[in-house]
């Protein structure tokens, strides 16, 4: 008879123990971890127009001094265009301030 009582208590003990252990795992303090995730955002920056380059307007067979003058002028135009392009890139890749 004592064997049957032990089995009845054992059958009740296992589910109660499992519920107590599961409940104890949830009773602890919760820890929140902040994870920064990059979110794609549309960039509305205007792409600067490519300027006309002086060497592209030269006729074939232009004298070397005309070609040299056009090439020097083109360097300045390309540098100015590059500055505008970099400015647009910086605006589009700058981090957005967190709003709370």
PDB file of N, CA and C in Angstrom:
ATOM      1  N   UNK A   1       0.809  -1.182   0.000  1.00  0.00           N
ATOM      2  CA  UNK A   1       0.000   0.000   0.000  1.00  0.00           C
ATOM      3  C   UNK A   1       0.865   1.264   0.000  1.00  0.00           C
ATOM      4  N   UNK A   2       1.998   1.214   0.672  1.00  0.00           N
ATOM      5  CA  UNK A   2       2.851   2.392   0.709  1.00  0.00           C
ATOM      6  C   UNK A   2       3.428   2.685  -0.672  1.00  0.00           C
ATOM      7  N   UNK A   3       3.594   1.674  -1.520  1.00  0.00           N
ATOM      8  CA  UNK A   3       4.103   1.874  -2.870  1.00  0.00           C
ATOM      9  C   UNK A   3       3.128   2.668  -3.718  1.00  0.00           C
ATOM     10  N   UNK A   4       1.839   2.431  -3.534  1.00  0.00           N
ATOM     11  CA  UNK A   4       0.844   3.150  -4.314  1.00  0.00           C
ATOM     12  C   UNK A   4       0.762   4.620  -3.887  1.00  0.00           C
ATOM     13  N   UNK A   5       0.895   4.887  -2.623  1.00  0.00           N
ATOM     14  CA  UNK A   5       0.845   6.266  -2.144  1.00  0.00           C
ATOM     15  C   UNK A   5       2.069   7.033  -2.663  1.00  0.00           C
ATOM     16  N   UNK A   6       3.212   6.349  -2.642  1.00  0.00           N
ATOM     17  CA  UNK A   6       4.432   6.984  -3.139  1.00  0.00           C
ATOM     18  C   UNK A   6       4.294   7.340  -4.615  1.00  0.00           C
ATOM     19  N   UNK A   7       3.681   6.435  -5.405  1.00  0.00           N
ATOM     20  CA  UNK A   7       3.500   6.705  -6.831  1.00  0.00           C
ATOM     21  C   UNK A   7       2.529   7.860  -7.056  1.00  0.00           C
ATOM     22  N   UNK A   8       1.480   7.943  -6.265  1.00  0.00           N
ATOM     23  CA  UNK A   8       0.522   9.042  -6.421  1.00  0.00           C
ATOM     24  C   UNK A   8       1.202  10.375  -6.112  1.00  0.00           C
ATOM     25  N   UNK A   9       2.020  10.403  -5.073  1.00  0.00           N
ATOM     26  CA  UNK A   9       2.714  11.633  -4.724  1.00  0.00           C
ATOM     27  C   UNK A   9       3.779  11.973  -5.775  1.00  0.00           C
ATOM     28  N   UNK A  10       4.407  10.928  -6.308  1.00  0.00           N
ATOM     29  CA  UNK A  10       5.427  11.166  -7.327  1.00  0.00           C
ATOM     30  C   UNK A  10       4.787  11.739  -8.594  1.00  0.00           C
ATOM     31  N   UNK A  11       3.616  11.242  -8.948  1.00  0.00           N
ATOM     32  CA  UNK A  11       2.924  11.717 -10.130  1.00  0.00           C
ATOM     33  C   UNK A  11       2.518  13.181  -9.947  1.00  0.00           C
ATOM     34  N   UNK A  12       2.144  13.584  -8.754  1.00  0.00           N
ATOM     35  CA  UNK A  12       1.784  14.970  -8.487  1.00  0.00           C
ATOM     36  C   UNK A  12       3.021  15.850  -8.314  1.00  0.00           C
ATOM     37  N   UNK A  13       4.085  15.287  -7.790  1.00  0.00           N
ATOM     38  CA  UNK A  13       5.285  16.057  -7.474  1.00  0.00           C
ATOM     39  C   UNK A  13       5.995  16.564  -8.723  1.00  0.00           C
ATOM     40  N   UNK A  14       6.097  15.751  -9.754  1.00  0.00           N
ATOM     41  CA  UNK A  14       6.842  16.118 -10.967  1.00  0.00           C
ATOM     42  C   UNK A  14       6.219  17.325 -11.672  1.00  0.00           C
ATOM     43  N   UNK A  15       4.904  17.359 -11.930  1.00  0.00           N
ATOM     44  CA  UNK A  15       4.347  18.551 -12.582  1.00  0.00           C
ATOM     45  C   UNK A  15       4.428  19.799 -11.703  1.00  0.00           C
ATOM     46  N   UNK A  16       4.254  19.630 -10.400  1.00  0.00           N
ATOM     47  CA  UNK A  16       4.334  20.787  -9.508  1.00  0.00           C
ATOM     48  C   UNK A  16       5.760  21.325  -9.493  1.00  0.00           C
ATOM     49  N   UNK A  17       6.754  20.446  -9.448  1.00  0.00           N
ATOM     50  CA  UNK A  17       8.152  20.860  -9.471  1.00  0.00           C
ATOM     51  C   UNK A  17       8.483  21.557 -10.795  1.00  0.00           C
ATOM     52  N   UNK A  18       8.011  21.022 -11.899  1.00  0.00           N
ATOM     53  CA  UNK A  18       8.275  21.632 -13.207  1.00  0.00           C
ATOM     54  C   UNK A  18       7.645  23.024 -13.285  1.00  0.00           C
ATOM     55  N   UNK A  19       6.425  23.186 -12.804  1.00  0.00           N
ATOM     56  CA  UNK A  19       5.758  24.487 -12.825  1.00  0.00           C
ATOM     57  C   UNK A  19       6.493  25.478 -11.925  1.00  0.00           C
ATOM     58  N   UNK A  20       6.971  25.007 -10.780  1.00  0.00           N
ATOM     59  CA  UNK A  20       7.694  25.892  -9.872  1.00  0.00           C
ATOM     60  C   UNK A  20       9.011  26.350 -10.494  1.00  0.00           C
ATOM     61  N   UNK A  21       9.718  25.452 -11.152  1.00  0.00           N
ATOM     62  CA  UNK A  21      10.984  25.827 -11.794  1.00  0.00           C
ATOM     63  C   UNK A  21      10.752  26.788 -12.961  1.00  0.00           C
ATOM     64  N   UNK A  22       9.730  26.547 -13.748  1.00  0.00           N
ATOM     65  CA  UNK A  22       9.423  27.451 -14.860  1.00  0.00           C
ATOM     66  C   UNK A  22       8.995  28.821 -14.351  1.00  0.00           C
ATOM     67  N   UNK A  23       8.224  28.826 -13.284  1.00  0.00           N
ATOM     68  CA  UNK A  23       7.797  30.091 -12.705  1.00  0.00           C
ATOM     69  C   UNK A  23       8.951  30.853 -12.085  1.00  0.00           C
ATOM     70  N   UNK A  24       9.904  30.155 -11.525  1.00  0.00           N
ATOM     71  CA  UNK A  24      11.059  30.813 -10.909  1.00  0.00           C
ATOM     72  C   UNK A  24      11.927  31.465 -11.979  1.00  0.00           C
ATOM     73  N   UNK A  25      11.978  30.902 -13.162  1.00  0.00           N
ATOM     74  CA  UNK A  25      12.755  31.499 -14.247  1.00  0.00           C
ATOM     75  C   UNK A  25      12.158  32.819 -14.706  1.00  0.00           C
ATOM     76  N   UNK A  26      10.867  32.967 -14.613  1.00  0.00           N
ATOM     77  CA  UNK A  26      10.210  34.200 -15.034  1.00  0.00           C
ATOM     78  C   UNK A  26      10.183  35.257 -13.934  1.00  0.00           C
ATOM     79  N   UNK A  27      10.497  34.866 -12.703  1.00  0.00           N
ATOM     80  CA  UNK A  27      10.384  35.796 -11.577  1.00  0.00           C
ATOM     81  C   UNK A  27      11.567  36.746 -11.481  1.00  0.00           C
ATOM     82  N   UNK A  28      12.658  36.499 -12.212  1.00  0.00           N
ATOM     83  CA  UNK A  28      13.839  37.360 -12.133  1.00  0.00           C
ATOM     84  C   UNK A  28      13.587  38.710 -12.775  1.00  0.00           C
ATOM     85  N   UNK A  29      14.518  39.621 -12.567  1.00  0.00           N
ATOM     86  CA  UNK A  29      14.384  40.937 -13.176  1.00  0.00           C
ATOM     87  C   UNK A  29      14.665  40.830 -14.670  1.00  0.00           C
ATOM     88  N   UNK A  30      13.911  41.576 -15.433  1.00  0.00           N
ATOM     89  CA  UNK A  30      14.120  41.532 -16.885  1.00  0.00           C
ATOM     90  C   UNK A  30      15.240  42.489 -17.260  1.00  0.00           C
ATOM     91  N   UNK A  31      16.027  42.103 -18.218  1.00  0.00           N
ATOM     92  CA  UNK A  31      17.129  42.930 -18.684  1.00  0.00           C
ATOM     93  C   UNK A  31      16.814  43.380 -20.105  1.00  0.00           C
ATOM     94  N   UNK A  32      16.877  44.683 -20.313  1.00  0.00           N
ATOM     95  CA  UNK A  32      16.619  45.231 -21.635  1.00  0.00           C
ATOM     96  C   UNK A  32      17.956  45.605 -22.263  1.00  0.00           C
ATOM     97  N   UNK A  33      18.152  45.163 -23.475  1.00  0.00           N
ATOM     98  CA  UNK A  33      19.366  45.478 -24.211  1.00  0.00           C
ATOM     99  C   UNK A  33      18.981  46.324 -25.411  1.00  0.00           C
ATOM    100  N   UNK A  34      19.626  47.476 -25.556  1.00  0.00           N
ATOM    101  CA  UNK A  34      19.351  48.343 -26.695  1.00  0.00           C
ATOM    102  C   UNK A  34      20.244  47.931 -27.854  1.00  0.00           C
ATOM    103  N   UNK A  35      19.628  47.691 -28.983  1.00  0.00           N
ATOM    104  CA  UNK A  35      20.354  47.291 -30.177  1.00  0.00           C
ATOM    105  C   UNK A  35      20.101  48.338 -31.253  1.00  0.00           C
ATOM    106  N   UNK A  36      21.152  48.966 -31.726  1.00  0.00           N
ATOM    107  CA  UNK A  36      21.018  49.956 -32.793  1.00  0.00           C
ATOM    108  C   UNK A  36      21.046  49.246 -34.140  1.00  0.00           C
ATOM    109  N   UNK A  37      19.994  49.432 -34.892  1.00  0.00           N
ATOM    110  CA  UNK A  37      19.863  48.788 -36.192  1.00  0.00           C
ATOM    111  C   UNK A  37      19.770  49.882 -37.250  1.00  0.00           C
ATOM    112  N   UNK A  38      20.623  49.820 -38.278  1.00  0.00           N
ATOM    113  CA  UNK A  38      20.529  50.834 -39.328  1.00  0.00           C
ATOM    114  C   UNK A  38      19.224  50.683 -40.116  1.00  0.00           C
ATOM    115  N   UNK A  39      18.590  51.810 -40.344  1.00  0.00           N
ATOM    116  CA  UNK A  39      17.326  51.813 -41.074  1.00  0.00           C
ATOM    117  C   UNK A  39      17.528  52.647 -42.336  1.00  0.00           C
ATOM    118  N   UNK A  40      17.229  52.098 -43.502  1.00  0.00           N
ATOM    119  CA  UNK A  40      17.410  52.887 -44.729  1.00  0.00           C
ATOM    120  C   UNK A  40      16.431  54.055 -44.778  1.00  0.00           C
ATOM    121  N   UNK A  41      16.955  55.206 -45.175  1.00  0.00           N
ATOM    122  CA  UNK A  41      16.162  56.430 -45.264  1.00  0.00           C
ATOM    123  C   UNK A  41      16.383  57.026 -46.651  1.00  0.00           C
ATOM    124  N   UNK A  42      15.328  57.541 -47.224  1.00  0.00           N
ATOM    125  CA  UNK A  42      15.416  58.148 -48.550  1.00  0.00           C
ATOM    126  C   UNK A  42      16.227  59.436 -48.457  1.00  0.00           C
ATOM    127  N   UNK A  43      17.155  59.604 -49.381  1.00  0.00           N
ATOM    128  CA  UNK A  43      17.954  60.829 -49.427  1.00  0.00           C
ATOM    129  C   UNK A  43      17.352  61.738 -50.498  1.00  0.00           C
ATOM    130  N   UNK A  44      16.947  62.933 -50.084  1.00  0.00           N
ATOM    131  CA  UNK A  44      16.309  63.866 -51.007  1.00  0.00           C
ATOM    132  C   UNK A  44      17.273  64.933 -51.520  1.00  0.00           C
ATOM    133  N   UNK A  45      18.550  64.675 -51.405  1.00  0.00           N
ATOM    134  CA  UNK A  45      19.545  65.649 -51.855  1.00  0.00           C
ATOM    135  C   UNK A  45      19.571  65.688 -53.383  1.00  0.00           C
ATOM    136  N   UNK A  46      19.673  66.884 -53.929  1.00  0.00           N
ATOM    137  CA  UNK A  46      19.703  67.062 -55.378  1.00  0.00           C
ATOM    138  C   UNK A  46      21.103  66.732 -55.894  1.00  0.00           C
ATOM    139  N   UNK A  47      21.147  65.904 -56.927  1.00  0.00           N
ATOM    140  CA  UNK A  47      22.430  65.557 -57.539  1.00  0.00           C
ATOM    141  C   UNK A  47      22.848  66.702 -58.456  1.00  0.00           C
ATOM    142  N   UNK A  48      24.037  67.250 -58.248  1.00  0.00           N
ATOM    143  CA  UNK A  48      24.449  68.378 -59.099  1.00  0.00           C
ATOM    144  C   UNK A  48      24.644  67.937 -60.549  1.00  0.00           C
ATOM    145  N   UNK A  49      24.303  68.832 -61.458  1.00  0.00           N
ATOM    146  CA  UNK A  49      24.470  68.535 -62.885  1.00  0.00           C
ATOM    147  C   UNK A  49      25.946  68.522 -63.239  1.00  0.00           C
ATOM    148  N   UNK A  50      26.301  67.591 -64.123  1.00  0.00           N
ATOM    149  CA  UNK A  50      27.693  67.508 -64.577  1.00  0.00           C
ATOM    150  C   UNK A  50      27.973  68.676 -65.514  1.00  0.00           C
ATOM    151  N   UNK A  51      29.035  69.418 -65.240  1.00  0.00           N
ATOM    152  CA  UNK A  51      29.325  70.572 -66.109  1.00  0.00           C
ATOM    153  C   UNK A  51      29.892  70.118 -67.457  1.00  0.00           C
ATOM    154  N   UNK A  52      29.758  70.982 -68.444  1.00  0.00           N
ATOM    155  CA  UNK A  52      30.379  70.708 -69.739  1.00  0.00           C
ATOM    156  C   UNK A  52      31.877  70.923 -69.600  1.00  0.00           C
ATOM    157  N   UNK A  53      32.641  69.961 -70.065  1.00  0.00           N
ATOM    158  CA  UNK A  53      34.091  70.045 -69.946  1.00  0.00           C
ATOM    159  C   UNK A  53      34.677  70.694 -71.202  1.00  0.00           C
ATOM    160  N   UNK A  54      35.637  71.605 -71.003  1.00  0.00           N
ATOM    161  CA  UNK A  54      36.219  72.322 -72.150  1.00  0.00           C
ATOM    162  C   UNK A  54      36.885  71.402 -73.173  1.00  0.00           C
ATOM    163  N   UNK A  55      37.462  70.298 -72.742  1.00  0.00           N
ATOM    164  CA  UNK A  55      38.138  69.415 -73.702  1.00  0.00           C
ATOM    165  C   UNK A  55      37.140  68.673 -74.588  1.00  0.00           C
ATOM    166  N   UNK A  56      35.905  68.535 -74.122  1.00  0.00           N
ATOM    167  CA  UNK A  56      34.897  67.841 -74.928  1.00  0.00           C
ATOM    168  C   UNK A  56      34.420  68.724 -76.090  1.00  0.00           C
ATOM    169  N   UNK A  57      34.583  70.019 -75.950  1.00  0.00           N
ATOM    170  CA  UNK A  57      34.109  70.940 -76.988  1.00  0.00           C
ATOM    171  C   UNK A  57      35.186  71.238 -78.036  1.00  0.00           C
ATOM    172  N   UNK A  58      36.376  70.710 -77.843  1.00  0.00           N
ATOM    173  CA  UNK A  58      37.466  70.991 -78.791  1.00  0.00           C
ATOM    174  C   UNK A  58      37.249  70.254 -80.101  1.00  0.00           C
ATOM    175  N   UNK A  59      37.604  70.913 -81.148  1.00  0.00           N
ATOM    176  CA  UNK A  59      37.540  70.273 -82.467  1.00  0.00           C
ATOM    177  C   UNK A  59      38.737  69.339 -82.611  1.00  0.00           C
ATOM    178  N   UNK A  60      38.564  68.259 -83.347  1.00  0.00           N
ATOM    179  CA  UNK A  60      39.713  67.362 -83.560  1.00  0.00           C
ATOM    180  C   UNK A  60      40.839  68.112 -84.271  1.00  0.00           C
ATOM    181  N   UNK A  61      42.054  67.872 -83.829  1.00  0.00           N
ATOM    182  CA  UNK A  61      43.211  68.508 -84.432  1.00  0.00           C
ATOM    183  C   UNK A  61      43.470  69.907 -83.906  1.00  0.00           C
ATOM    184  N   UNK A  62      42.956  70.225 -82.709  1.00  0.00           N
ATOM    185  CA  UNK A  62      43.195  71.555 -82.120  1.00  0.00           C
ATOM    186  C   UNK A  62      44.675  71.683 -81.763  1.00  0.00           C
ATOM    187  N   UNK A  63      45.216  72.867 -81.841  1.00  0.00           N
ATOM    188  CA  UNK A  63      46.636  73.050 -81.509  1.00  0.00           C
ATOM    189  C   UNK A  63      46.911  72.687 -80.037  1.00  0.00           C
ATOM    190  N   UNK A  64      48.141  72.287 -79.749  1.00  0.00           N
ATOM    191  CA  UNK A  64      48.480  71.824 -78.384  1.00  0.00           C
ATOM    192  C   UNK A  64      48.248  72.890 -77.317  1.00  0.00           C
ATOM    193  N   UNK A  65      48.511  74.172 -77.614  1.00  0.00           N
ATOM    194  CA  UNK A  65      48.330  75.200 -76.582  1.00  0.00           C
ATOM    195  C   UNK A  65      46.846  75.394 -76.237  1.00  0.00           C
ATOM    196  N   UNK A  66      45.939  75.171 -77.218  1.00  0.00           N
ATOM    197  CA  UNK A  66      44.496  75.252 -76.956  1.00  0.00           C
ATOM    198  C   UNK A  66      44.067  74.057 -76.114  1.00  0.00           C
ATOM    199  N   UNK A  67      44.624  72.892 -76.437  1.00  0.00           N
ATOM    200  CA  UNK A  67      44.323  71.687 -75.667  1.00  0.00           C
ATOM    201  C   UNK A  67      44.809  71.840 -74.224  1.00  0.00           C
ATOM    202  N   UNK A  68      45.993  72.406 -74.042  1.00  0.00           N
ATOM    203  CA  UNK A  68      46.529  72.602 -72.698  1.00  0.00           C
ATOM    204  C   UNK A  68      45.663  73.574 -71.896  1.00  0.00           C
ATOM    205  N   UNK A  69      45.251  74.665 -72.513  1.00  0.00           N
ATOM    206  CA  UNK A  69      44.410  75.654 -71.839  1.00  0.00           C
ATOM    207  C   UNK A  69      43.066  75.034 -71.443  1.00  0.00           C
ATOM    208  N   UNK A  70      42.498  74.224 -72.335  1.00  0.00           N
ATOM    209  CA  UNK A  70      41.222  73.564 -72.040  1.00  0.00           C
ATOM    210  C   UNK A  70      41.380  72.527 -70.926  1.00  0.00           C
ATOM    211  N   UNK A  71      42.515  71.812 -70.932  1.00  0.00           N
ATOM    212  CA  UNK A  71      42.754  70.809 -69.897  1.00  0.00           C
ATOM    213  C   UNK A  71      42.910  71.455 -68.521  1.00  0.00           C
ATOM    214  N   UNK A  72      43.589  72.582 -68.454  1.00  0.00           N
ATOM    215  CA  UNK A  72      43.749  73.288 -67.179  1.00  0.00           C
ATOM    216  C   UNK A  72      42.404  73.823 -66.670  1.00  0.00           C
ATOM    217  N   UNK A  73      41.578  74.318 -67.585  1.00  0.00           N
ATOM    218  CA  UNK A  73      40.256  74.802 -67.193  1.00  0.00           C
ATOM    219  C   UNK A  73      39.377  73.630 -66.729  1.00  0.00           C
ATOM    220  N   UNK A  74      39.565  72.475 -67.350  1.00  0.00           N
ATOM    221  CA  UNK A  74      38.776  71.298 -66.984  1.00  0.00           C
ATOM    222  C   UNK A  74      39.113  70.816 -65.576  1.00  0.00           C
ATOM    223  N   UNK A  75      40.367  70.930 -65.183  1.00  0.00           N
ATOM    224  CA  UNK A  75      40.760  70.526 -63.828  1.00  0.00           C
ATOM    225  C   UNK A  75      39.979  71.339 -62.794  1.00  0.00           C
ATOM    226  N   UNK A  76      39.886  72.641 -63.006  1.00  0.00           N
ATOM    227  CA  UNK A  76      39.143  73.489 -62.069  1.00  0.00           C
ATOM    228  C   UNK A  76      37.659  73.129 -62.031  1.00  0.00           C
ATOM    229  N   UNK A  77      37.097  72.869 -63.195  1.00  0.00           N
ATOM    230  CA  UNK A  77      35.671  72.512 -63.236  1.00  0.00           C
ATOM    231  C   UNK A  77      35.417  71.172 -62.558  1.00  0.00           C
ATOM    232  N   UNK A  78      36.306  70.216 -62.799  1.00  0.00           N
ATOM    233  CA  UNK A  78      36.136  68.899 -62.168  1.00  0.00           C
ATOM    234  C   UNK A  78      36.262  68.986 -60.650  1.00  0.00           C
ATOM    235  N   UNK A  79      37.194  69.802 -60.161  1.00  0.00           N
ATOM    236  CA  UNK A  79      37.350  69.961 -58.712  1.00  0.00           C
ATOM    237  C   UNK A  79      36.104  70.596 -58.098  1.00  0.00           C
ATOM    238  N   UNK A  80      35.540  71.595 -58.757  1.00  0.00           N
ATOM    239  CA  UNK A  80      34.318  72.227 -58.253  1.00  0.00           C
ATOM    240  C   UNK A  80      33.159  71.232 -58.260  1.00  0.00           C
ATOM    241  N   UNK A  81      33.076  70.429 -59.311  1.00  0.00           N
ATOM    242  CA  UNK A  81      32.019  69.414 -59.406  1.00  0.00           C
ATOM    243  C   UNK A  81      32.203  68.357 -58.327  1.00  0.00           C
ATOM    244  N   UNK A  82      33.441  67.969 -58.079  1.00  0.00           N
ATOM    245  CA  UNK A  82      33.722  66.971 -57.048  1.00  0.00           C
ATOM    246  C   UNK A  82      33.322  67.493 -55.669  1.00  0.00           C
ATOM    247  N   UNK A  83      33.557  68.762 -55.395  1.00  0.00           N
ATOM    248  CA  UNK A  83      33.165  69.351 -54.108  1.00  0.00           C
ATOM    249  C   UNK A  83      31.648  69.283 -53.933  1.00  0.00           C
ATOM    250  N   UNK A  84      30.910  69.592 -54.995  1.00  0.00           N
ATOM    251  CA  UNK A  84      29.444  69.527 -54.918  1.00  0.00           C
ATOM    252  C   UNK A  84      28.962  68.097 -54.716  1.00  0.00           C
ATOM    253  N   UNK A  85      29.596  67.150 -55.411  1.00  0.00           N
ATOM    254  CA  UNK A  85      29.207  65.744 -55.260  1.00  0.00           C
ATOM    255  C   UNK A  85      29.507  65.228 -53.853  1.00  0.00           C
ATOM    256  N   UNK A  86      30.667  65.592 -53.312  1.00  0.00           N
ATOM    257  CA  UNK A  86      31.010  65.182 -51.950  1.00  0.00           C
ATOM    258  C   UNK A  86      30.051  65.782 -50.927  1.00  0.00           C
ATOM    259  N   UNK A  87      29.648  67.025 -51.136  1.00  0.00           N
ATOM    260  CA  UNK A  87      28.691  67.661 -50.224  1.00  0.00           C
ATOM    261  C   UNK A  87      27.361  66.914 -50.236  1.00  0.00           C
ATOM    262  N   UNK A  88      26.909  66.504 -51.415  1.00  0.00           N
ATOM    263  CA  UNK A  88      25.664  65.736 -51.515  1.00  0.00           C
ATOM    264  C   UNK A  88      25.819  64.383 -50.837  1.00  0.00           C
ATOM    265  N   UNK A  89      26.964  63.754 -50.992  1.00  0.00           N
ATOM    266  CA  UNK A  89      27.216  62.456 -50.366  1.00  0.00           C
ATOM    267  C   UNK A  89      27.238  62.573 -48.851  1.00  0.00           C
ATOM    268  N   UNK A  90      27.844  63.627 -48.338  1.00  0.00           N
ATOM    269  CA  UNK A  90      27.902  63.821 -46.881  1.00  0.00           C
ATOM    270  C   UNK A  90      26.499  64.007 -46.316  1.00  0.00           C
ATOM    271  N   UNK A  91      25.665  64.754 -47.014  1.00  0.00           N
ATOM    272  CA  UNK A  91      24.295  64.964 -46.538  1.00  0.00           C
ATOM    273  C   UNK A  91      23.526  63.647 -46.512  1.00  0.00           C
ATOM    274  N   UNK A  92      23.742  62.819 -47.522  1.00  0.00           N
ATOM    275  CA  UNK A  92      22.994  61.549 -47.596  1.00  0.00           C
ATOM    276  C   UNK A  92      23.521  60.485 -46.648  1.00  0.00           C
ATOM    277  N   UNK A  93      24.769  60.555 -46.261  1.00  0.00           N
ATOM    278  CA  UNK A  93      25.330  59.522 -45.389  1.00  0.00           C
ATOM    279  C   UNK A  93      25.469  59.982 -43.954  1.00  0.00           C
ATOM    280  N   UNK A  94      25.108  61.207 -43.630  1.00  0.00           N
ATOM    281  CA  UNK A  94      25.214  61.693 -42.253  1.00  0.00           C
ATOM    282  C   UNK A  94      24.208  60.961 -41.377  1.00  0.00           C
ATOM    283  N   UNK A  95      24.579  60.611 -40.140  1.00  0.00           N
ATOM    284  CA  UNK A  95      23.631  59.916 -39.267  1.00  0.00           C
ATOM    285  C   UNK A  95      22.466  60.825 -38.870  1.00  0.00           C
ATOM    286  N   UNK A  96      21.317  60.216 -38.766  1.00  0.00           N
ATOM    287  CA  UNK A  96      20.120  60.955 -38.373  1.00  0.00           C
ATOM    288  C   UNK A  96      20.065  60.957 -36.851  1.00  0.00           C
ATOM    289  N   UNK A  97      19.824  62.118 -36.275  1.00  0.00           N
ATOM    290  CA  UNK A  97      19.752  62.225 -34.812  1.00  0.00           C
ATOM    291  C   UNK A  97      18.549  61.435 -34.307  1.00  0.00           C
ATOM    292  N   UNK A  98      18.726  60.759 -33.194  1.00  0.00           N
ATOM    293  CA  UNK A  98      17.643  59.944 -32.616  1.00  0.00           C
ATOM    294  C   UNK A  98      16.556  60.863 -32.062  1.00  0.00           C
ATOM    295  N   UNK A  99      15.333  60.560 -32.404  1.00  0.00           N
ATOM    296  CA  UNK A  99      14.196  61.323 -31.894  1.00  0.00           C
ATOM    297  C   UNK A  99      13.534  60.514 -30.791  1.00  0.00           C
ATOM    298  N   UNK A 100      13.299  61.163 -29.681  1.00  0.00           N
ATOM    299  CA  UNK A 100      12.694  60.430 -28.568  1.00  0.00           C
ATOM    300  C   UNK A 100      11.396  61.043 -28.153  1.00  0.00           C
TER     301      UNK A 100
END
